[in-house]
Amino acid sequence: LERRELVKLSAKYSENLEVQAVLRNYKPAIDKPINELSHLYAVREVLSTRFKGSKNVCAALNLEESDWSRLGKLCNFIPVQQGRHRGRKYKQLRQATSAEQEDAKKIVKTMIKQFFEYLEKSENH
Protein backbone atom coordinates (compact mmCIF):
# COMPACT_ATOMS: atom_id res chain seq x y z
CA LEU A 1 0.00 0.00 0.00
CA GLU A 2 1.56 3.24 -1.10
CA ARG A 3 1.66 6.04 1.44
CA ARG A 4 -0.35 8.42 -0.77
CA GLU A 5 -3.05 5.81 -1.33
CA LEU A 6 -3.15 5.03 2.39
CA VAL A 7 -3.59 8.71 3.26
CA LYS A 8 -6.37 9.13 0.68
CA LEU A 9 -8.29 6.05 1.81
CA SER A 10 -7.71 6.87 5.47
CA ALA A 11 -9.33 10.25 4.94
CA LYS A 12 -12.21 8.72 2.99
CA TYR A 13 -12.98 6.20 5.74
CA SER A 14 -12.00 8.34 8.72
CA GLU A 15 -15.40 7.79 10.37
CA ASN A 16 -15.06 3.99 10.20
CA LEU A 17 -14.12 2.73 13.67
CA GLU A 18 -12.25 -0.31 12.35
CA VAL A 19 -10.20 1.87 10.00
CA GLN A 20 -9.39 4.16 12.92
CA ALA A 21 -8.28 1.17 15.03
CA VAL A 22 -6.20 -0.34 12.21
CA LEU A 23 -4.39 2.94 11.57
CA ARG A 24 -3.99 3.67 15.29
CA ASN A 25 -2.01 0.42 15.52
CA TYR A 26 -0.23 0.49 12.17
CA LYS A 27 1.39 3.91 12.60
CA PRO A 28 3.23 3.12 15.86
CA ALA A 29 4.30 -0.24 14.42
CA ILE A 30 6.20 1.69 11.77
CA ASP A 31 7.33 4.57 14.00
CA LYS A 32 8.45 2.55 17.04
CA PRO A 33 10.10 -0.70 15.95
CA ILE A 34 10.63 -1.93 19.53
CA ASN A 35 6.85 -2.53 19.76
CA GLU A 36 6.36 -3.27 16.08
CA LEU A 37 5.13 -6.86 16.23
CA SER A 38 2.78 -6.11 19.09
CA HIS A 39 1.11 -3.31 17.11
CA LEU A 40 0.99 -5.38 13.92
CA TYR A 41 -0.77 -8.15 15.82
CA ALA A 42 -3.30 -5.60 17.06
CA VAL A 43 -4.22 -4.88 13.41
CA ARG A 44 -4.87 -8.61 13.01
CA GLU A 45 -7.09 -8.56 16.12
CA VAL A 46 -9.13 -5.60 14.85
CA LEU A 47 -9.87 -7.43 11.60
CA SER A 48 -10.58 -10.69 13.39
CA THR A 49 -13.14 -8.92 15.57
CA ARG A 50 -14.65 -7.07 12.59
CA PHE A 51 -15.16 -10.24 10.56
CA LYS A 52 -15.81 -12.57 13.52
CA GLY A 53 -12.87 -14.90 13.13
CA SER A 54 -9.83 -15.73 11.07
CA LYS A 55 -11.58 -17.84 8.42
CA ASN A 56 -14.07 -15.03 7.76
CA VAL A 57 -11.30 -12.43 7.54
CA CYS A 58 -9.34 -14.52 5.06
CA ALA A 59 -12.44 -15.18 2.95
CA ALA A 60 -13.71 -11.58 2.97
CA LEU A 61 -10.32 -10.01 2.30
CA ASN A 62 -8.97 -12.73 0.01
CA LEU A 63 -6.03 -13.39 2.32
CA GLU A 64 -3.93 -16.53 2.45
CA GLU A 65 -4.61 -18.45 5.65
CA SER A 66 -0.90 -19.31 5.74
CA ASP A 67 -0.08 -15.57 5.90
CA TRP A 68 -2.64 -15.09 8.67
CA SER A 69 -1.05 -17.92 10.66
CA ARG A 70 2.48 -16.73 9.93
CA LEU A 71 1.66 -13.28 11.29
CA GLY A 72 0.25 -14.85 14.45
CA LYS A 73 3.39 -16.90 14.90
CA LEU A 74 5.73 -13.96 14.27
CA CYS A 75 3.94 -11.61 16.63
CA ASN A 76 2.70 -13.95 19.31
CA PHE A 77 4.69 -17.16 19.54
CA ILE A 78 8.35 -16.55 18.82
CA PRO A 79 10.42 -15.27 21.76
CA VAL A 80 11.39 -11.81 20.49
CA GLN A 81 11.63 -8.45 22.20
CA GLN A 82 9.33 -6.83 19.66
CA GLY A 83 6.57 -9.41 20.21
CA ARG A 84 3.49 -9.36 22.38
CA HIS A 85 4.76 -11.42 25.30
CA ARG A 86 8.05 -9.74 26.11
CA GLY A 87 9.22 -11.27 29.34
CA ARG A 88 5.87 -12.70 30.35
CA LYS A 89 5.83 -15.92 28.37
CA TYR A 90 9.51 -16.48 27.65
CA LYS A 91 12.54 -16.19 29.91
CA GLN A 92 14.98 -15.47 27.13
CA LEU A 93 14.20 -13.11 24.30
CA ARG A 94 16.10 -12.28 21.15
CA GLN A 95 15.81 -9.47 18.67
CA ALA A 96 13.46 -10.20 15.80
CA THR A 97 15.40 -10.56 12.59
CA SER A 98 14.92 -7.97 9.88
CA ALA A 99 13.43 -10.74 7.71
CA GLU A 100 10.84 -11.54 10.42
CA GLN A 101 9.97 -7.88 10.82
CA GLU A 102 9.69 -7.32 7.08
CA ASP A 103 7.57 -10.43 6.69
CA ALA A 104 5.14 -9.25 9.38
CA LYS A 105 4.94 -5.74 7.87
CA LYS A 106 4.35 -7.15 4.39
CA ILE A 107 1.49 -9.34 5.62
CA VAL A 108 -0.15 -6.47 7.51
CA LYS A 109 0.22 -4.09 4.56
CA THR A 110 -1.58 -6.67 2.42
CA MET A 111 -4.29 -7.02 5.07
CA ILE A 112 -4.81 -3.26 5.22
CA LYS A 113 -4.85 -2.93 1.44
CA GLN A 114 -7.36 -5.75 1.11
CA PHE A 115 -9.49 -4.24 3.88
CA PHE A 116 -9.67 -0.92 2.05
CA GLU A 117 -10.50 -2.76 -1.19
CA TYR A 118 -13.25 -4.61 0.67
CA LEU A 119 -14.66 -1.31 1.92
CA GLU A 120 -14.51 0.16 -1.60
CA LYS A 121 -16.34 -2.85 -3.08
CA SER A 122 -18.94 -2.82 -0.31
CA GLU A 123 -19.60 0.84 -0.94
CA ASN A 124 -20.06 0.30 -4.68
CA HIS A 125 -22.60 -2.54 -4.31
C-alpha atoms as a PDB file:
ATOM      1  CA  LEU A   1       0.000   0.000   0.000  1.00  0.00           C
ATOM      2  CA  GLU A   2       1.559   3.243  -1.098  1.00  0.00           C
ATOM      3  CA  ARG A   3       1.655   6.043   1.443  1.00  0.00           C
ATOM      4  CA  ARG A   4      -0.348   8.417  -0.767  1.00  0.00           C
ATOM      5  CA  GLU A   5      -3.048   5.814  -1.331  1.00  0.00           C
ATOM      6  CA  LEU A   6      -3.151   5.032   2.394  1.00  0.00           C
ATOM      7  CA  VAL A   7      -3.592   8.706   3.262  1.00  0.00           C
ATOM      8  CA  LYS A   8      -6.370   9.126   0.681  1.00  0.00           C
ATOM      9  CA  LEU A   9      -8.292   6.053   1.812  1.00  0.00           C
ATOM     10  CA  SER A  10      -7.706   6.869   5.469  1.00  0.00           C
ATOM     11  CA  ALA A  11      -9.333  10.250   4.944  1.00  0.00           C
ATOM     12  CA  LYS A  12     -12.207   8.717   2.987  1.00  0.00           C
ATOM     13  CA  TYR A  13     -12.980   6.198   5.741  1.00  0.00           C
ATOM     14  CA  SER A  14     -11.998   8.339   8.725  1.00  0.00           C
ATOM     15  CA  GLU A  15     -15.404   7.791  10.367  1.00  0.00           C
ATOM     16  CA  ASN A  16     -15.065   3.994  10.201  1.00  0.00           C
ATOM     17  CA  LEU A  17     -14.119   2.728  13.668  1.00  0.00           C
ATOM     18  CA  GLU A  18     -12.248  -0.306  12.348  1.00  0.00           C
ATOM     19  CA  VAL A  19     -10.199   1.873  10.003  1.00  0.00           C
ATOM     20  CA  GLN A  20      -9.393   4.157  12.923  1.00  0.00           C
ATOM     21  CA  ALA A  21      -8.281   1.171  15.027  1.00  0.00           C
ATOM     22  CA  VAL A  22      -6.204  -0.343  12.209  1.00  0.00           C
ATOM     23  CA  LEU A  23      -4.394   2.935  11.573  1.00  0.00           C
ATOM     24  CA  ARG A  24      -3.988   3.673  15.286  1.00  0.00           C
ATOM     25  CA  ASN A  25      -2.005   0.425  15.524  1.00  0.00           C
ATOM     26  CA  TYR A  26      -0.233   0.489  12.167  1.00  0.00           C
ATOM     27  CA  LYS A  27       1.386   3.915  12.603  1.00  0.00           C
ATOM     28  CA  PRO A  28       3.229   3.118  15.863  1.00  0.00           C
ATOM     29  CA  ALA A  29       4.303  -0.239  14.420  1.00  0.00           C
ATOM     30  CA  ILE A  30       6.203   1.686  11.769  1.00  0.00           C
ATOM     31  CA  ASP A  31       7.325   4.572  13.999  1.00  0.00           C
ATOM     32  CA  LYS A  32       8.453   2.549  17.044  1.00  0.00           C
ATOM     33  CA  PRO A  33      10.100  -0.703  15.946  1.00  0.00           C
ATOM     34  CA  ILE A  34      10.628  -1.932  19.527  1.00  0.00           C
ATOM     35  CA  ASN A  35       6.850  -2.527  19.760  1.00  0.00           C
ATOM     36  CA  GLU A  36       6.364  -3.270  16.079  1.00  0.00           C
ATOM     37  CA  LEU A  37       5.125  -6.856  16.229  1.00  0.00           C
ATOM     38  CA  SER A  38       2.781  -6.112  19.093  1.00  0.00           C
ATOM     39  CA  HIS A  39       1.115  -3.313  17.110  1.00  0.00           C
ATOM     40  CA  LEU A  40       0.989  -5.378  13.920  1.00  0.00           C
ATOM     41  CA  TYR A  41      -0.766  -8.153  15.817  1.00  0.00           C
ATOM     42  CA  ALA A  42      -3.301  -5.596  17.057  1.00  0.00           C
ATOM     43  CA  VAL A  43      -4.223  -4.882  13.413  1.00  0.00           C
ATOM     44  CA  ARG A  44      -4.872  -8.610  13.013  1.00  0.00           C
ATOM     45  CA  GLU A  45      -7.086  -8.562  16.117  1.00  0.00           C
ATOM     46  CA  VAL A  46      -9.131  -5.604  14.846  1.00  0.00           C
ATOM     47  CA  LEU A  47      -9.865  -7.428  11.596  1.00  0.00           C
ATOM     48  CA  SER A  48     -10.585 -10.694  13.390  1.00  0.00           C
ATOM     49  CA  THR A  49     -13.143  -8.919  15.571  1.00  0.00           C
ATOM     50  CA  ARG A  50     -14.654  -7.072  12.595  1.00  0.00           C
ATOM     51  CA  PHE A  51     -15.158 -10.244  10.560  1.00  0.00           C
ATOM     52  CA  LYS A  52     -15.809 -12.566  13.516  1.00  0.00           C
ATOM     53  CA  GLY A  53     -12.867 -14.899  13.135  1.00  0.00           C
ATOM     54  CA  SER A  54      -9.832 -15.731  11.075  1.00  0.00           C
ATOM     55  CA  LYS A  55     -11.584 -17.837   8.424  1.00  0.00           C
ATOM     56  CA  ASN A  56     -14.067 -15.029   7.757  1.00  0.00           C
ATOM     57  CA  VAL A  57     -11.296 -12.427   7.541  1.00  0.00           C
ATOM     58  CA  CYS A  58      -9.343 -14.518   5.062  1.00  0.00           C
ATOM     59  CA  ALA A  59     -12.436 -15.181   2.949  1.00  0.00           C
ATOM     60  CA  ALA A  60     -13.706 -11.580   2.968  1.00  0.00           C
ATOM     61  CA  LEU A  61     -10.320 -10.010   2.299  1.00  0.00           C
ATOM     62  CA  ASN A  62      -8.969 -12.732   0.009  1.00  0.00           C
ATOM     63  CA  LEU A  63      -6.025 -13.392   2.324  1.00  0.00           C
ATOM     64  CA  GLU A  64      -3.934 -16.529   2.452  1.00  0.00           C
ATOM     65  CA  GLU A  65      -4.612 -18.454   5.655  1.00  0.00           C
ATOM     66  CA  SER A  66      -0.905 -19.306   5.742  1.00  0.00           C
ATOM     67  CA  ASP A  67      -0.076 -15.567   5.901  1.00  0.00           C
ATOM     68  CA  TRP A  68      -2.637 -15.085   8.666  1.00  0.00           C
ATOM     69  CA  SER A  69      -1.054 -17.916  10.656  1.00  0.00           C
ATOM     70  CA  ARG A  70       2.480 -16.728   9.925  1.00  0.00           C
ATOM     71  CA  LEU A  71       1.661 -13.277  11.293  1.00  0.00           C
ATOM     72  CA  GLY A  72       0.249 -14.852  14.454  1.00  0.00           C
ATOM     73  CA  LYS A  73       3.395 -16.901  14.901  1.00  0.00           C
ATOM     74  CA  LEU A  74       5.732 -13.963  14.268  1.00  0.00           C
ATOM     75  CA  CYS A  75       3.940 -11.612  16.632  1.00  0.00           C
ATOM     76  CA  ASN A  76       2.699 -13.945  19.312  1.00  0.00           C
ATOM     77  CA  PHE A  77       4.688 -17.159  19.544  1.00  0.00           C
ATOM     78  CA  ILE A  78       8.347 -16.552  18.815  1.00  0.00           C
ATOM     79  CA  PRO A  79      10.421 -15.272  21.758  1.00  0.00           C
ATOM     80  CA  VAL A  80      11.389 -11.812  20.488  1.00  0.00           C
ATOM     81  CA  GLN A  81      11.630  -8.454  22.198  1.00  0.00           C
ATOM     82  CA  GLN A  82       9.327  -6.831  19.657  1.00  0.00           C
ATOM     83  CA  GLY A  83       6.567  -9.410  20.213  1.00  0.00           C
ATOM     84  CA  ARG A  84       3.487  -9.359  22.376  1.00  0.00           C
ATOM     85  CA  HIS A  85       4.762 -11.424  25.304  1.00  0.00           C
ATOM     86  CA  ARG A  86       8.054  -9.737  26.112  1.00  0.00           C
ATOM     87  CA  GLY A  87       9.225 -11.267  29.341  1.00  0.00           C
ATOM     88  CA  ARG A  88       5.869 -12.700  30.354  1.00  0.00           C
ATOM     89  CA  LYS A  89       5.828 -15.915  28.367  1.00  0.00           C
ATOM     90  CA  TYR A  90       9.507 -16.483  27.654  1.00  0.00           C
ATOM     91  CA  LYS A  91      12.541 -16.188  29.912  1.00  0.00           C
ATOM     92  CA  GLN A  92      14.983 -15.471  27.129  1.00  0.00           C
ATOM     93  CA  LEU A  93      14.198 -13.106  24.301  1.00  0.00           C
ATOM     94  CA  ARG A  94      16.096 -12.283  21.155  1.00  0.00           C
ATOM     95  CA  GLN A  95      15.814  -9.466  18.672  1.00  0.00           C
ATOM     96  CA  ALA A  96      13.456 -10.202  15.797  1.00  0.00           C
ATOM     97  CA  THR A  97      15.404 -10.557  12.588  1.00  0.00           C
ATOM     98  CA  SER A  98      14.922  -7.971   9.881  1.00  0.00           C
ATOM     99  CA  ALA A  99      13.430 -10.737   7.714  1.00  0.00           C
ATOM    100  CA  GLU A 100      10.844 -11.538  10.419  1.00  0.00           C
ATOM    101  CA  GLN A 101       9.967  -7.878  10.821  1.00  0.00           C
ATOM    102  CA  GLU A 102       9.694  -7.317   7.076  1.00  0.00           C
ATOM    103  CA  ASP A 103       7.569 -10.433   6.692  1.00  0.00           C
ATOM    104  CA  ALA A 104       5.143  -9.249   9.379  1.00  0.00           C
ATOM    105  CA  LYS A 105       4.945  -5.741   7.869  1.00  0.00           C
ATOM    106  CA  LYS A 106       4.354  -7.151   4.391  1.00  0.00           C
ATOM    107  CA  ILE A 107       1.491  -9.337   5.624  1.00  0.00           C
ATOM    108  CA  VAL A 108      -0.146  -6.467   7.508  1.00  0.00           C
ATOM    109  CA  LYS A 109       0.224  -4.086   4.560  1.00  0.00           C
ATOM    110  CA  THR A 110      -1.583  -6.665   2.422  1.00  0.00           C
ATOM    111  CA  MET A 111      -4.290  -7.015   5.069  1.00  0.00           C
ATOM    112  CA  ILE A 112      -4.814  -3.260   5.224  1.00  0.00           C
ATOM    113  CA  LYS A 113      -4.846  -2.932   1.442  1.00  0.00           C
ATOM    114  CA  GLN A 114      -7.362  -5.750   1.107  1.00  0.00           C
ATOM    115  CA  PHE A 115      -9.493  -4.239   3.881  1.00  0.00           C
ATOM    116  CA  PHE A 116      -9.667  -0.919   2.048  1.00  0.00           C
ATOM    117  CA  GLU A 117     -10.497  -2.758  -1.187  1.00  0.00           C
ATOM    118  CA  TYR A 118     -13.251  -4.612   0.672  1.00  0.00           C
ATOM    119  CA  LEU A 119     -14.660  -1.307   1.918  1.00  0.00           C
ATOM    120  CA  GLU A 120     -14.505   0.156  -1.605  1.00  0.00           C
ATOM    121  CA  LYS A 121     -16.342  -2.849  -3.085  1.00  0.00           C
ATOM    122  CA  SER A 122     -18.944  -2.819  -0.313  1.00  0.00           C
ATOM    123  CA  GLU A 123     -19.598   0.839  -0.940  1.00  0.00           C
ATOM    124  CA  ASN A 124     -20.056   0.298  -4.683  1.00  0.00           C
ATOM    125  CA  HIS A 125     -22.603  -2.536  -4.312  1.00  0.00           C
END
